[in-house]
Amino acid sequence: MQNKLCWTGAWLKGKGLSVDCPGGHEGCTANLLAEAPLSELDMGRNLGKAFALQDVLVKCVTTDGDGRSAEGIEESLKTLHPMWKVERLADPTHLAASQFRQCSRAKFSDDMFLGKTAY
């Protein structure tokens, strides 16, 4: 996993010591620099490699709408099974929000619903 947090480093910095994370002291838990961007694609690749090492194929991955972790998992699993496809599923919150947006943007004809309609 990608991790920018190091509680020991933060504690040492709070005591006035000059500490560089990741890896600048014993027991550092950070593996990324604080200013480095987090990549869901790289995270997915790392997860996919771990799955591939254990001969595990993943069929569906639930992510938020803008996540690319499913793409990274699929990319890594292709080493195990070249034709394998990973399906990205939206989590309920993002799925409901996108359905609501699509309904609010939909154009309905005047005679689609009988009765009085509000404008």
PDB file of N, CA and C in Angstrom:
ATOM      1  N   MET A   1       0.821  -1.191   0.000  1.00  0.00           N
ATOM      2  CA  MET A   1       0.000   0.000   0.000  1.00  0.00           C
ATOM      3  C   MET A   1       0.866   1.255   0.000  1.00  0.00           C
ATOM      4  N   GLN A   2       0.313   2.282  -0.545  1.00  0.00           N
ATOM      5  CA  GLN A   2       1.001   3.574  -0.561  1.00  0.00           C
ATOM      6  C   GLN A   2       0.690   4.306   0.740  1.00  0.00           C
ATOM      7  N   ASN A   3       1.730   4.791   1.391  1.00  0.00           N
ATOM      8  CA  ASN A   3       1.541   5.432   2.677  1.00  0.00           C
ATOM      9  C   ASN A   3       2.486   6.620   2.804  1.00  0.00           C
ATOM     10  N   LYS A   4       1.925   7.772   3.098  1.00  0.00           N
ATOM     11  CA  LYS A   4       2.722   8.981   3.340  1.00  0.00           C
ATOM     12  C   LYS A   4       2.868   9.271   4.831  1.00  0.00           C
ATOM     13  N   LEU A   5       2.114   8.559   5.653  1.00  0.00           N
ATOM     14  CA  LEU A   5       2.062   8.864   7.080  1.00  0.00           C
ATOM     15  C   LEU A   5       3.110   8.097   7.869  1.00  0.00           C
ATOM     16  N   CYS A   6       3.750   8.789   8.766  1.00  0.00           N
ATOM     17  CA  CYS A   6       4.703   8.167   9.687  1.00  0.00           C
ATOM     18  C   CYS A   6       4.563   8.880  11.026  1.00  0.00           C
ATOM     19  N   TRP A   7       3.918   8.211  11.980  1.00  0.00           N
ATOM     20  CA  TRP A   7       3.672   8.833  13.275  1.00  0.00           C
ATOM     21  C   TRP A   7       4.970   9.060  14.038  1.00  0.00           C
ATOM     22  N   THR A   8       5.903   8.138  13.895  1.00  0.00           N
ATOM     23  CA  THR A   8       7.190   8.301  14.582  1.00  0.00           C
ATOM     24  C   THR A   8       7.932   9.511  14.040  1.00  0.00           C
ATOM     25  N   GLY A   9       7.934   9.657  12.706  1.00  0.00           N
ATOM     26  CA  GLY A   9       8.584  10.811  12.087  1.00  0.00           C
ATOM     27  C   GLY A   9       7.941  12.117  12.513  1.00  0.00           C
ATOM     28  N   ALA A  10       6.609  12.134  12.590  1.00  0.00           N
ATOM     29  CA  ALA A  10       5.901  13.339  13.027  1.00  0.00           C
ATOM     30  C   ALA A  10       6.242  13.665  14.481  1.00  0.00           C
ATOM     31  N   TRP A  11       6.339  12.632  15.317  1.00  0.00           N
ATOM     32  CA  TRP A  11       6.679  12.836  16.723  1.00  0.00           C
ATOM     33  C   TRP A  11       8.097  13.384  16.851  1.00  0.00           C
ATOM     34  N   LEU A  12       9.044  12.798  16.073  1.00  0.00           N
ATOM     35  CA  LEU A  12      10.431  13.262  16.128  1.00  0.00           C
ATOM     36  C   LEU A  12      10.560  14.702  15.626  1.00  0.00           C
ATOM     37  N   LYS A  13       9.803  15.035  14.572  1.00  0.00           N
ATOM     38  CA  LYS A  13       9.819  16.413  14.056  1.00  0.00           C
ATOM     39  C   LYS A  13       9.258  17.371  15.097  1.00  0.00           C
ATOM     40  N   GLY A  14       8.235  16.926  15.823  1.00  0.00           N
ATOM     41  CA  GLY A  14       7.651  17.738  16.887  1.00  0.00           C
ATOM     42  C   GLY A  14       8.624  17.992  18.033  1.00  0.00           C
ATOM     43  N   LYS A  15       9.574  17.095  18.211  1.00  0.00           N
ATOM     44  CA  LYS A  15      10.599  17.256  19.249  1.00  0.00           C
ATOM     45  C   LYS A  15      11.769  18.110  18.767  1.00  0.00           C
ATOM     46  N   GLY A  16      11.689  18.575  17.495  1.00  0.00           N
ATOM     47  CA  GLY A  16      12.727  19.455  16.976  1.00  0.00           C
ATOM     48  C   GLY A  16      13.834  18.770  16.200  1.00  0.00           C
ATOM     49  N   LEU A  17      13.721  17.463  15.982  1.00  0.00           N
ATOM     50  CA  LEU A  17      14.743  16.738  15.230  1.00  0.00           C
ATOM     51  C   LEU A  17      14.484  16.862  13.734  1.00  0.00           C
ATOM     52  N   SER A  18      15.544  16.853  12.969  1.00  0.00           N
ATOM     53  CA  SER A  18      15.416  16.898  11.515  1.00  0.00           C
ATOM     54  C   SER A  18      15.302  15.461  11.004  1.00  0.00           C
ATOM     55  N   VAL A  19      14.123  15.101  10.526  1.00  0.00           N
ATOM     56  CA  VAL A  19      13.852  13.729  10.086  1.00  0.00           C
ATOM     57  C   VAL A  19      13.291  13.772   8.676  1.00  0.00           C
ATOM     58  N   ASP A  20      13.804  12.897   7.830  1.00  0.00           N
ATOM     59  CA  ASP A  20      13.268  12.774   6.472  1.00  0.00           C
ATOM     60  C   ASP A  20      12.549  11.440   6.344  1.00  0.00           C
ATOM     61  N   CYS A  21      11.275  11.490   6.035  1.00  0.00           N
ATOM     62  CA  CYS A  21      10.506  10.282   5.756  1.00  0.00           C
ATOM     63  C   CYS A  21      10.268  10.249   4.249  1.00  0.00           C
ATOM     64  N   PRO A  22      10.226   9.149   3.587  1.00  0.00           N
ATOM     65  CA  PRO A  22      10.262   7.782   4.101  1.00  0.00           C
ATOM     66  C   PRO A  22      11.678   7.257   4.301  1.00  0.00           C
ATOM     67  N   GLY A  23      11.805   6.402   5.275  1.00  0.00           N
ATOM     68  CA  GLY A  23      13.047   5.680   5.511  1.00  0.00           C
ATOM     69  C   GLY A  23      14.153   6.464   6.174  1.00  0.00           C
ATOM     70  N   GLY A  24      13.882   7.654   6.684  1.00  0.00           N
ATOM     71  CA  GLY A  24      14.930   8.467   7.279  1.00  0.00           C
ATOM     72  C   GLY A  24      15.238   8.132   8.723  1.00  0.00           C
ATOM     73  N   HIS A  25      14.511   7.179   9.302  1.00  0.00           N
ATOM     74  CA  HIS A  25      14.736   6.784  10.690  1.00  0.00           C
ATOM     75  C   HIS A  25      14.258   5.352  10.872  1.00  0.00           C
ATOM     76  N   GLU A  26      14.613   4.770  11.986  1.00  0.00           N
ATOM     77  CA  GLU A  26      14.218   3.396  12.265  1.00  0.00           C
ATOM     78  C   GLU A  26      12.712   3.319  12.497  1.00  0.00           C
ATOM     79  N   GLY A  27      12.063   2.328  11.904  1.00  0.00           N
ATOM     80  CA  GLY A  27      10.631   2.123  12.093  1.00  0.00           C
ATOM     81  C   GLY A  27       9.752   3.047  11.271  1.00  0.00           C
ATOM     82  N   CYS A  28      10.278   3.641  10.220  1.00  0.00           N
ATOM     83  CA  CYS A  28       9.485   4.544   9.374  1.00  0.00           C
ATOM     84  C   CYS A  28       8.401   3.755   8.649  1.00  0.00           C
ATOM     85  N   THR A  29       7.156   4.201   8.759  1.00  0.00           N
ATOM     86  CA  THR A  29       6.043   3.509   8.110  1.00  0.00           C
ATOM     87  C   THR A  29       5.679   4.115   6.769  1.00  0.00           C
ATOM     88  N   ALA A  30       6.211   5.284   6.452  1.00  0.00           N
ATOM     89  CA  ALA A  30       5.917   5.922   5.163  1.00  0.00           C
ATOM     90  C   ALA A  30       6.743   5.252   4.071  1.00  0.00           C
ATOM     91  N   ASN A  31       6.125   5.080   2.899  1.00  0.00           N
ATOM     92  CA  ASN A  31       6.879   4.565   1.765  1.00  0.00           C
ATOM     93  C   ASN A  31       6.813   5.518   0.575  1.00  0.00           C
ATOM     94  N   LEU A  32       6.201   6.679   0.770  1.00  0.00           N
ATOM     95  CA  LEU A  32       6.146   7.741  -0.237  1.00  0.00           C
ATOM     96  C   LEU A  32       6.525   9.061   0.418  1.00  0.00           C
ATOM     97  N   LEU A  33       7.126   9.931  -0.356  1.00  0.00           N
ATOM     98  CA  LEU A  33       7.389  11.283   0.139  1.00  0.00           C
ATOM     99  C   LEU A  33       6.068  12.009   0.352  1.00  0.00           C
ATOM    100  N   ALA A  34       6.038  12.950   1.268  1.00  0.00           N
ATOM    101  CA  ALA A  34       4.806  13.682   1.577  1.00  0.00           C
ATOM    102  C   ALA A  34       4.281  14.442   0.371  1.00  0.00           C
ATOM    103  N   GLU A  35       5.177  14.918  -0.496  1.00  0.00           N
ATOM    104  CA  GLU A  35       4.729  15.691  -1.657  1.00  0.00           C
ATOM    105  C   GLU A  35       4.458  14.825  -2.888  1.00  0.00           C
ATOM    106  N   ALA A  36       4.670  13.522  -2.798  1.00  0.00           N
ATOM    107  CA  ALA A  36       4.428  12.624  -3.936  1.00  0.00           C
ATOM    108  C   ALA A  36       2.929  12.394  -4.104  1.00  0.00           C
ATOM    109  N   PRO A  37       2.443  12.312  -5.341  1.00  0.00           N
ATOM    110  CA  PRO A  37       1.013  12.074  -5.553  1.00  0.00           C
ATOM    111  C   PRO A  37       0.651  10.613  -5.284  1.00  0.00           C
ATOM    112  N   LEU A  38      -0.528  10.404  -4.732  1.00  0.00           N
ATOM    113  CA  LEU A  38      -1.036   9.049  -4.562  1.00  0.00           C
ATOM    114  C   LEU A  38      -1.641   8.603  -5.884  1.00  0.00           C
ATOM    115  N   SER A  39      -1.353   7.402  -6.300  1.00  0.00           N
ATOM    116  CA  SER A  39      -1.850   6.893  -7.572  1.00  0.00           C
ATOM    117  C   SER A  39      -2.688   5.648  -7.333  1.00  0.00           C
ATOM    118  N   GLU A  40      -3.978   5.728  -7.668  1.00  0.00           N
ATOM    119  CA  GLU A  40      -4.839   4.561  -7.531  1.00  0.00           C
ATOM    120  C   GLU A  40      -4.466   3.501  -8.558  1.00  0.00           C
ATOM    121  N   LEU A  41      -3.944   3.924  -9.695  1.00  0.00           N
ATOM    122  CA  LEU A  41      -3.508   2.976 -10.717  1.00  0.00           C
ATOM    123  C   LEU A  41      -2.333   2.143 -10.196  1.00  0.00           C
ATOM    124  N   ASP A  42      -1.342   2.800  -9.591  1.00  0.00           N
ATOM    125  CA  ASP A  42      -0.199   2.078  -9.023  1.00  0.00           C
ATOM    126  C   ASP A  42      -0.635   1.175  -7.874  1.00  0.00           C
ATOM    127  N   MET A  43      -1.567   1.657  -7.049  1.00  0.00           N
ATOM    128  CA  MET A  43      -2.083   0.840  -5.962  1.00  0.00           C
ATOM    129  C   MET A  43      -2.749  -0.417  -6.524  1.00  0.00           C
ATOM    130  N   GLY A  44      -3.527  -0.265  -7.588  1.00  0.00           N
ATOM    131  CA  GLY A  44      -4.170  -1.409  -8.227  1.00  0.00           C
ATOM    132  C   GLY A  44      -3.155  -2.381  -8.800  1.00  0.00           C
ATOM    133  N   ARG A  45      -2.097  -1.849  -9.410  1.00  0.00           N
ATOM    134  CA  ARG A  45      -1.035  -2.718  -9.940  1.00  0.00           C
ATOM    135  C   ARG A  45      -0.392  -3.532  -8.816  1.00  0.00           C
ATOM    136  N   ASN A  46      -0.109  -2.875  -7.693  1.00  0.00           N
ATOM    137  CA  ASN A  46       0.500  -3.584  -6.558  1.00  0.00           C
ATOM    138  C   ASN A  46      -0.432  -4.663  -6.009  1.00  0.00           C
ATOM    139  N   LEU A  47      -1.722  -4.341  -5.895  1.00  0.00           N
ATOM    140  CA  LEU A  47      -2.684  -5.344  -5.438  1.00  0.00           C
ATOM    141  C   LEU A  47      -2.772  -6.496  -6.429  1.00  0.00           C
ATOM    142  N   GLY A  48      -2.807  -6.167  -7.725  1.00  0.00           N
ATOM    143  CA  GLY A  48      -2.872  -7.197  -8.759  1.00  0.00           C
ATOM    144  C   GLY A  48      -1.667  -8.115  -8.732  1.00  0.00           C
ATOM    145  N   LYS A  49      -0.478  -7.549  -8.491  1.00  0.00           N
ATOM    146  CA  LYS A  49       0.734  -8.379  -8.390  1.00  0.00           C
ATOM    147  C   LYS A  49       0.636  -9.331  -7.205  1.00  0.00           C
ATOM    148  N   ALA A  50       0.116  -8.824  -6.083  1.00  0.00           N
ATOM    149  CA  ALA A  50      -0.044  -9.674  -4.897  1.00  0.00           C
ATOM    150  C   ALA A  50      -1.046 -10.797  -5.174  1.00  0.00           C
ATOM    151  N   PHE A  51      -2.139 -10.483  -5.867  1.00  0.00           N
ATOM    152  CA  PHE A  51      -3.122 -11.510  -6.230  1.00  0.00           C
ATOM    153  C   PHE A  51      -2.513 -12.525  -7.189  1.00  0.00           C
ATOM    154  N   ALA A  52      -1.766 -12.047  -8.179  1.00  0.00           N
ATOM    155  CA  ALA A  52      -1.166 -12.931  -9.180  1.00  0.00           C
ATOM    156  C   ALA A  52      -0.157 -13.885  -8.542  1.00  0.00           C
ATOM    157  N   LEU A  53       0.600 -13.413  -7.555  1.00  0.00           N
ATOM    158  CA  LEU A  53       1.561 -14.281  -6.869  1.00  0.00           C
ATOM    159  C   LEU A  53       0.870 -15.435  -6.149  1.00  0.00           C
ATOM    160  N   GLN A  54      -0.386 -15.221  -5.745  1.00  0.00           N
ATOM    161  CA  GLN A  54      -1.141 -16.252  -5.036  1.00  0.00           C
ATOM    162  C   GLN A  54      -2.103 -16.989  -5.962  1.00  0.00           C
ATOM    163  N   ASP A  55      -1.989 -16.762  -7.279  1.00  0.00           N
ATOM    164  CA  ASP A  55      -2.870 -17.383  -8.287  1.00  0.00           C
ATOM    165  C   ASP A  55      -4.342 -17.087  -8.024  1.00  0.00           C
ATOM    166  N   VAL A  56      -4.642 -15.849  -7.657  1.00  0.00           N
ATOM    167  CA  VAL A  56      -6.019 -15.419  -7.400  1.00  0.00           C
ATOM    168  C   VAL A  56      -6.453 -14.508  -8.539  1.00  0.00           C
ATOM    169  N   LEU A  57      -7.591 -14.831  -9.163  1.00  0.00           N
ATOM    170  CA  LEU A  57      -8.162 -13.979 -10.202  1.00  0.00           C
ATOM    171  C   LEU A  57      -9.328 -13.197  -9.603  1.00  0.00           C
ATOM    172  N   VAL A  58      -9.363 -11.901  -9.839  1.00  0.00           N
ATOM    173  CA  VAL A  58     -10.409 -11.023  -9.318  1.00  0.00           C
ATOM    174  C   VAL A  58     -11.346 -10.676 -10.464  1.00  0.00           C
ATOM    175  N   LYS A  59     -12.641 -10.906 -10.280  1.00  0.00           N
ATOM    176  CA  LYS A  59     -13.624 -10.641 -11.336  1.00  0.00           C
ATOM    177  C   LYS A  59     -14.190  -9.227 -11.246  1.00  0.00           C
ATOM    178  N   CYS A  60     -14.539  -8.771 -10.036  1.00  0.00           N
ATOM    179  CA  CYS A  60     -15.172  -7.462  -9.859  1.00  0.00           C
ATOM    180  C   CYS A  60     -14.444  -6.668  -8.775  1.00  0.00           C
ATOM    181  N   VAL A  61     -14.328  -5.360  -9.007  1.00  0.00           N
ATOM    182  CA  VAL A  61     -13.707  -4.455  -8.046  1.00  0.00           C
ATOM    183  C   VAL A  61     -14.654  -3.283  -7.839  1.00  0.00           C
ATOM    184  N   THR A  62     -14.988  -2.976  -6.593  1.00  0.00           N
ATOM    185  CA  THR A  62     -15.853  -1.845  -6.283  1.00  0.00           C
ATOM    186  C   THR A  62     -14.990  -0.639  -5.935  1.00  0.00           C
ATOM    187  N   THR A  63     -15.135   0.431  -6.722  1.00  0.00           N
ATOM    188  CA  THR A  63     -14.359   1.654  -6.500  1.00  0.00           C
ATOM    189  C   THR A  63     -15.274   2.855  -6.630  1.00  0.00           C
ATOM    190  N   ASP A  64     -14.732   4.030  -6.312  1.00  0.00           N
ATOM    191  CA  ASP A  64     -15.500   5.241  -6.557  1.00  0.00           C
ATOM    192  C   ASP A  64     -15.451   5.544  -8.056  1.00  0.00           C
ATOM    193  N   GLY A  65     -16.189   6.536  -8.467  1.00  0.00           N
ATOM    194  CA  GLY A  65     -16.361   6.801  -9.890  1.00  0.00           C
ATOM    195  C   GLY A  65     -15.112   7.196 -10.637  1.00  0.00           C
ATOM    196  N   ASP A  66     -14.160   7.838  -9.974  1.00  0.00           N
ATOM    197  CA  ASP A  66     -12.975   8.310 -10.683  1.00  0.00           C
ATOM    198  C   ASP A  66     -11.743   7.456 -10.407  1.00  0.00           C
ATOM    199  N   GLY A  67     -11.907   6.349  -9.714  1.00  0.00           N
ATOM    200  CA  GLY A  67     -10.772   5.498  -9.373  1.00  0.00           C
ATOM    201  C   GLY A  67     -10.291   4.665 -10.551  1.00  0.00           C
ATOM    202  N   ARG A  68      -8.982   4.446 -10.610  1.00  0.00           N
ATOM    203  CA  ARG A  68      -8.404   3.634 -11.676  1.00  0.00           C
ATOM    204  C   ARG A  68      -7.757   2.373 -11.121  1.00  0.00           C
ATOM    205  N   SER A  69      -8.083   2.018  -9.883  1.00  0.00           N
ATOM    206  CA  SER A  69      -7.457   0.850  -9.275  1.00  0.00           C
ATOM    207  C   SER A  69      -7.862  -0.438  -9.983  1.00  0.00           C
ATOM    208  N   ALA A  70      -9.103  -0.526 -10.469  1.00  0.00           N
ATOM    209  CA  ALA A  70      -9.542  -1.724 -11.190  1.00  0.00           C
ATOM    210  C   ALA A  70      -8.708  -1.927 -12.449  1.00  0.00           C
ATOM    211  N   GLU A  71      -8.375  -0.837 -13.117  1.00  0.00           N
ATOM    212  CA  GLU A  71      -7.536  -0.903 -14.314  1.00  0.00           C
ATOM    213  C   GLU A  71      -6.146  -1.445 -13.972  1.00  0.00           C
ATOM    214  N   GLY A  72      -5.584  -1.011 -12.860  1.00  0.00           N
ATOM    215  CA  GLY A  72      -4.275  -1.493 -12.425  1.00  0.00           C
ATOM    216  C   GLY A  72      -4.296  -2.965 -12.046  1.00  0.00           C
ATOM    217  N   ILE A  73      -5.374  -3.400 -11.377  1.00  0.00           N
ATOM    218  CA  ILE A  73      -5.507  -4.814 -11.012  1.00  0.00           C
ATOM    219  C   ILE A  73      -5.600  -5.664 -12.270  1.00  0.00           C
ATOM    220  N   GLU A  74      -6.418  -5.225 -13.226  1.00  0.00           N
ATOM    221  CA  GLU A  74      -6.567  -5.971 -14.481  1.00  0.00           C
ATOM    222  C   GLU A  74      -5.235  -6.070 -15.221  1.00  0.00           C
ATOM    223  N   GLU A  75      -4.519  -4.970 -15.258  1.00  0.00           N
ATOM    224  CA  GLU A  75      -3.221  -4.933 -15.938  1.00  0.00           C
ATOM    225  C   GLU A  75      -2.253  -5.956 -15.330  1.00  0.00           C
ATOM    226  N   SER A  76      -2.212  -6.042 -14.015  1.00  0.00           N
ATOM    227  CA  SER A  76      -1.313  -6.982 -13.344  1.00  0.00           C
ATOM    228  C   SER A  76      -1.772  -8.426 -13.487  1.00  0.00           C
ATOM    229  N   LEU A  77      -3.085  -8.657 -13.481  1.00  0.00           N
ATOM    230  CA  LEU A  77      -3.589 -10.024 -13.589  1.00  0.00           C
ATOM    231  C   LEU A  77      -3.425 -10.597 -14.990  1.00  0.00           C
ATOM    232  N   LYS A  78      -3.184  -9.740 -15.967  1.00  0.00           N
ATOM    233  CA  LYS A  78      -2.969 -10.231 -17.332  1.00  0.00           C
ATOM    234  C   LYS A  78      -1.697 -11.075 -17.427  1.00  0.00           C
ATOM    235  N   THR A  79      -0.767 -10.935 -16.470  1.00  0.00           N
ATOM    236  CA  THR A  79       0.414 -11.806 -16.453  1.00  0.00           C
ATOM    237  C   THR A  79       0.016 -13.235 -16.106  1.00  0.00           C
ATOM    238  N   LEU A  80      -1.033 -13.379 -15.298  1.00  0.00           N
ATOM    239  CA  LEU A  80      -1.519 -14.694 -14.889  1.00  0.00           C
ATOM    240  C   LEU A  80      -2.436 -15.292 -15.943  1.00  0.00           C
ATOM    241  N   HIS A  81      -3.313 -14.461 -16.495  1.00  0.00           N
ATOM    242  CA  HIS A  81      -4.290 -14.917 -17.494  1.00  0.00           C
ATOM    243  C   HIS A  81      -4.472 -13.784 -18.498  1.00  0.00           C
ATOM    244  N   PRO A  82      -3.839 -13.858 -19.680  1.00  0.00           N
ATOM    245  CA  PRO A  82      -3.802 -12.729 -20.625  1.00  0.00           C
ATOM    246  C   PRO A  82      -5.161 -12.194 -21.082  1.00  0.00           C
ATOM    247  N   MET A  83      -6.197 -13.010 -21.083  1.00  0.00           N
ATOM    248  CA  MET A  83      -7.508 -12.564 -21.570  1.00  0.00           C
ATOM    249  C   MET A  83      -8.448 -12.159 -20.434  1.00  0.00           C
ATOM    250  N   TRP A  84      -7.955 -12.073 -19.213  1.00  0.00           N
ATOM    251  CA  TRP A  84      -8.802 -11.799 -18.046  1.00  0.00           C
ATOM    252  C   TRP A  84      -9.285 -10.355 -18.039  1.00  0.00           C
ATOM    253  N   LYS A  85     -10.552 -10.157 -17.716  1.00  0.00           N
ATOM    254  CA  LYS A  85     -11.151  -8.824 -17.608  1.00  0.00           C
ATOM    255  C   LYS A  85     -11.640  -8.617 -16.181  1.00  0.00           C
ATOM    256  N   VAL A  86     -11.360  -7.446 -15.644  1.00  0.00           N
ATOM    257  CA  VAL A  86     -11.845  -7.067 -14.315  1.00  0.00           C
ATOM    258  C   VAL A  86     -12.939  -6.034 -14.511  1.00  0.00           C
ATOM    259  N   GLU A  87     -14.100  -6.293 -13.926  1.00  0.00           N
ATOM    260  CA  GLU A  87     -15.233  -5.371 -14.046  1.00  0.00           C
ATOM    261  C   GLU A  87     -15.210  -4.387 -12.884  1.00  0.00           C
ATOM    262  N   ARG A  88     -15.302  -3.094 -13.201  1.00  0.00           N
ATOM    263  CA  ARG A  88     -15.342  -2.066 -12.157  1.00  0.00           C
ATOM    264  C   ARG A  88     -16.786  -1.790 -11.791  1.00  0.00           C
ATOM    265  N   LEU A  89     -17.101  -1.951 -10.522  1.00  0.00           N
ATOM    266  CA  LEU A  89     -18.435  -1.658 -10.012  1.00  0.00           C
ATOM    267  C   LEU A  89     -18.380  -0.356  -9.225  1.00  0.00           C
ATOM    268  N   ALA A  90     -19.417   0.439  -9.328  1.00  0.00           N
ATOM    269  CA  ALA A  90     -19.481   1.690  -8.569  1.00  0.00           C
ATOM    270  C   ALA A  90     -20.024   1.401  -7.172  1.00  0.00           C
ATOM    271  N   ASP A  91     -19.500   2.094  -6.179  1.00  0.00           N
ATOM    272  CA  ASP A  91     -20.034   1.923  -4.834  1.00  0.00           C
ATOM    273  C   ASP A  91     -21.418   2.562  -4.774  1.00  0.00           C
ATOM    274  N   PRO A  92     -22.286   2.134  -3.830  1.00  0.00           N
ATOM    275  CA  PRO A  92     -23.675   2.614  -3.800  1.00  0.00           C
ATOM    276  C   PRO A  92     -23.824   4.132  -3.757  1.00  0.00           C
ATOM    277  N   THR A  93     -22.970   4.821  -3.027  1.00  0.00           N
ATOM    278  CA  THR A  93     -23.089   6.278  -2.919  1.00  0.00           C
ATOM    279  C   THR A  93     -22.858   6.940  -4.264  1.00  0.00           C
ATOM    280  N   HIS A  94     -21.773   6.585  -4.938  1.00  0.00           N
ATOM    281  CA  HIS A  94     -21.477   7.194  -6.231  1.00  0.00           C
ATOM    282  C   HIS A  94     -22.468   6.747  -7.301  1.00  0.00           C
ATOM    283  N   LEU A  95     -22.922   5.490  -7.227  1.00  0.00           N
ATOM    284  CA  LEU A  95     -23.898   4.997  -8.187  1.00  0.00           C
ATOM    285  C   LEU A  95     -25.210   5.763  -8.049  1.00  0.00           C
ATOM    286  N   ALA A  96     -25.687   5.946  -6.814  1.00  0.00           N
ATOM    287  CA  ALA A  96     -26.937   6.675  -6.588  1.00  0.00           C
ATOM    288  C   ALA A  96     -26.810   8.124  -7.032  1.00  0.00           C
ATOM    289  N   ALA A  97     -25.677   8.752  -6.751  1.00  0.00           N
ATOM    290  CA  ALA A  97     -25.479  10.152  -7.148  1.00  0.00           C
ATOM    291  C   ALA A  97     -25.460  10.294  -8.664  1.00  0.00           C
ATOM    292  N   SER A  98     -24.816   9.364  -9.362  1.00  0.00           N
ATOM    293  CA  SER A  98     -24.770   9.468 -10.824  1.00  0.00           C
ATOM    294  C   SER A  98     -26.144   9.199 -11.433  1.00  0.00           C
ATOM    295  N   GLN A  99     -26.913   8.270 -10.858  1.00  0.00           N
ATOM    296  CA  GLN A  99     -28.269   8.026 -11.349  1.00  0.00           C
ATOM    297  C   GLN A  99     -29.154   9.248 -11.116  1.00  0.00           C
ATOM    298  N   PHE A 100     -29.017   9.892  -9.958  1.00  0.00           N
ATOM    299  CA  PHE A 100     -29.800  11.088  -9.669  1.00  0.00           C
ATOM    300  C   PHE A 100     -29.471  12.203 -10.664  1.00  0.00           C
ATOM    301  N   ARG A 101     -28.180  12.398 -10.949  1.00  0.00           N
ATOM    302  CA  ARG A 101     -27.773  13.425 -11.918  1.00  0.00           C
ATOM    303  C   ARG A 101     -28.348  13.136 -13.300  1.00  0.00           C
ATOM    304  N   GLN A 102     -28.316  11.883 -13.718  1.00  0.00           N
ATOM    305  CA  GLN A 102     -28.846  11.533 -15.031  1.00  0.00           C
ATOM    306  C   GLN A 102     -30.357  11.774 -15.092  1.00  0.00           C
ATOM    307  N   CYS A 103     -31.069  11.459 -14.020  1.00  0.00           N
ATOM    308  CA  CYS A 103     -32.521  11.689 -13.993  1.00  0.00           C
ATOM    309  C   CYS A 103     -32.850  13.173 -14.013  1.00  0.00           C
ATOM    310  N   SER A 104     -32.067  13.979 -13.292  1.00  0.00           N
ATOM    311  CA  SER A 104     -32.354  15.414 -13.259  1.00  0.00           C
ATOM    312  C   SER A 104     -32.028  16.082 -14.593  1.00  0.00           C
ATOM    313  N   ARG A 105     -31.137  15.509 -15.376  1.00  0.00           N
ATOM    314  CA  ARG A 105     -30.791  16.063 -16.689  1.00  0.00           C
ATOM    315  C   ARG A 105     -31.688  15.547 -17.812  1.00  0.00           C
ATOM    316  N   ALA A 106     -32.470  14.519 -17.533  1.00  0.00           N
ATOM    317  CA  ALA A 106     -33.277  13.892 -18.582  1.00  0.00           C
ATOM    318  C   ALA A 106     -34.344  14.851 -19.098  1.00  0.00           C
ATOM    319  N   LYS A 107     -34.607  14.771 -20.373  1.00  0.00           N
ATOM    320  CA  LYS A 107     -35.646  15.580 -21.012  1.00  0.00           C
ATOM    321  C   LYS A 107     -36.896  14.718 -21.170  1.00  0.00           C
ATOM    322  N   PHE A 108     -37.978  15.155 -20.540  1.00  0.00           N
ATOM    323  CA  PHE A 108     -39.239  14.438 -20.625  1.00  0.00           C
ATOM    324  C   PHE A 108     -40.184  15.212 -21.531  1.00  0.00           C
ATOM    325  N   SER A 109     -40.959  14.490 -22.323  1.00  0.00           N
ATOM    326  CA  SER A 109     -41.942  15.163 -23.170  1.00  0.00           C
ATOM    327  C   SER A 109     -43.144  15.562 -22.318  1.00  0.00           C
ATOM    328  N   ASP A 110     -43.883  16.579 -22.762  1.00  0.00           N
ATOM    329  CA  ASP A 110     -45.019  17.093 -21.994  1.00  0.00           C
ATOM    330  C   ASP A 110     -46.129  16.062 -21.833  1.00  0.00           C
ATOM    331  N   ASP A 111     -46.293  15.181 -22.804  1.00  0.00           N
ATOM    332  CA  ASP A 111     -47.383  14.210 -22.710  1.00  0.00           C
ATOM    333  C   ASP A 111     -46.916  12.852 -22.160  1.00  0.00           C
ATOM    334  N   MET A 112     -45.724  12.802 -21.601  1.00  0.00           N
ATOM    335  CA  MET A 112     -45.227  11.541 -21.049  1.00  0.00           C
ATOM    336  C   MET A 112     -45.980  11.176 -19.773  1.00  0.00           C
ATOM    337  N   PHE A 113     -46.226  12.158 -18.912  1.00  0.00           N
ATOM    338  CA  PHE A 113     -46.929  11.912 -17.665  1.00  0.00           C
ATOM    339  C   PHE A 113     -48.267  12.640 -17.711  1.00  0.00           C
ATOM    340  N   LEU A 114     -49.336  11.912 -17.409  1.00  0.00           N
ATOM    341  CA  LEU A 114     -50.666  12.511 -17.405  1.00  0.00           C
ATOM    342  C   LEU A 114     -50.850  13.347 -16.150  1.00  0.00           C
ATOM    343  N   GLY A 115     -51.661  14.350 -16.238  1.00  0.00           N
ATOM    344  CA  GLY A 115     -51.940  15.193 -15.091  1.00  0.00           C
ATOM    345  C   GLY A 115     -51.132  16.469 -15.117  1.00  0.00           C
ATOM    346  N   LYS A 116     -51.249  17.225 -14.037  1.00  0.00           N
ATOM    347  CA  LYS A 116     -50.597  18.518 -13.939  1.00  0.00           C
ATOM    348  C   LYS A 116     -49.122  18.347 -13.573  1.00  0.00           C
ATOM    349  N   THR A 117     -48.270  19.065 -14.258  1.00  0.00           N
ATOM    350  CA  THR A 117     -46.837  19.031 -13.953  1.00  0.00           C
ATOM    351  C   THR A 117     -46.385  20.424 -13.566  1.00  0.00           C
ATOM    352  N   ALA A 118     -45.417  20.499 -12.674  1.00  0.00           N
ATOM    353  CA  ALA A 118     -44.904  21.793 -12.219  1.00  0.00           C
ATOM    354  C   ALA A 118     -43.768  22.241 -13.118  1.00  0.00           C
ATOM    355  N   TYR A 119     -43.685  23.535 -13.345  1.00  0.00           N
ATOM    356  CA  TYR A 119     -42.593  24.094 -14.145  1.00  0.00           C
ATOM    357  C   TYR A 119     -41.744  24.942 -13.295  1.00  0.00           C
TER     358      TYR A 119
END
